[in-house]
Amino acid sequence: MNYTIVFYGDLLVACVPQGADIDGPIREISKHTGTDIGKNIRIIHEITLTDEPLVGDEIVYIGSDFGFLSDESGNQYKYAVKRAIYHDDGAIHGRRTRYFRNATCGGVEWVYAEDYANGDTHWRMYHTPPGTTIEKLRANGAMLSRRP
């Protein structure tokens, strides 16, 4: 599942599932601090919460005294990362383009690019042998390019 995180300066204000209401937590913090923080916030979308970043992940936050990362069940995580996403340029070959990324549970997962662009966050497991990674697929000739 992907998340959206919100910062006020270095303070983590909210960590909510992608697409969930972020205005509510911002209003709550504004109310408690007596300031309008809405003008001084930084929002980062498409975040994965993890205790162990994968190769290629961009770490955007490490849990600290300035805010801990929790999912909707209350589980805490050490890192908020942007997962490295790759594409297969399917459209060039007359197919639908797919996005690929290393899965948190191991292996590789994928989603159609157009579905992802329309807000689909359901990644499917790519049927490969256990222990497969994007790096191994690329080393074995898979034509996957990193998405900017």
Foldseek 3Di string as FASTA:
>chain_A
DWWKWKDQVQATQDTARPPDDPVVSQVVVCVVVVHNSVVRMDMDTRKDFAQDDDPPKAWPDADDPSHWDAYPVGDTGGTITRFWKKWQPVVVVVGFIKIKTADPVFAMWIDGPVVVVVPDPDTGGDDDDTRDGPVNCVVVPRRIDTDD
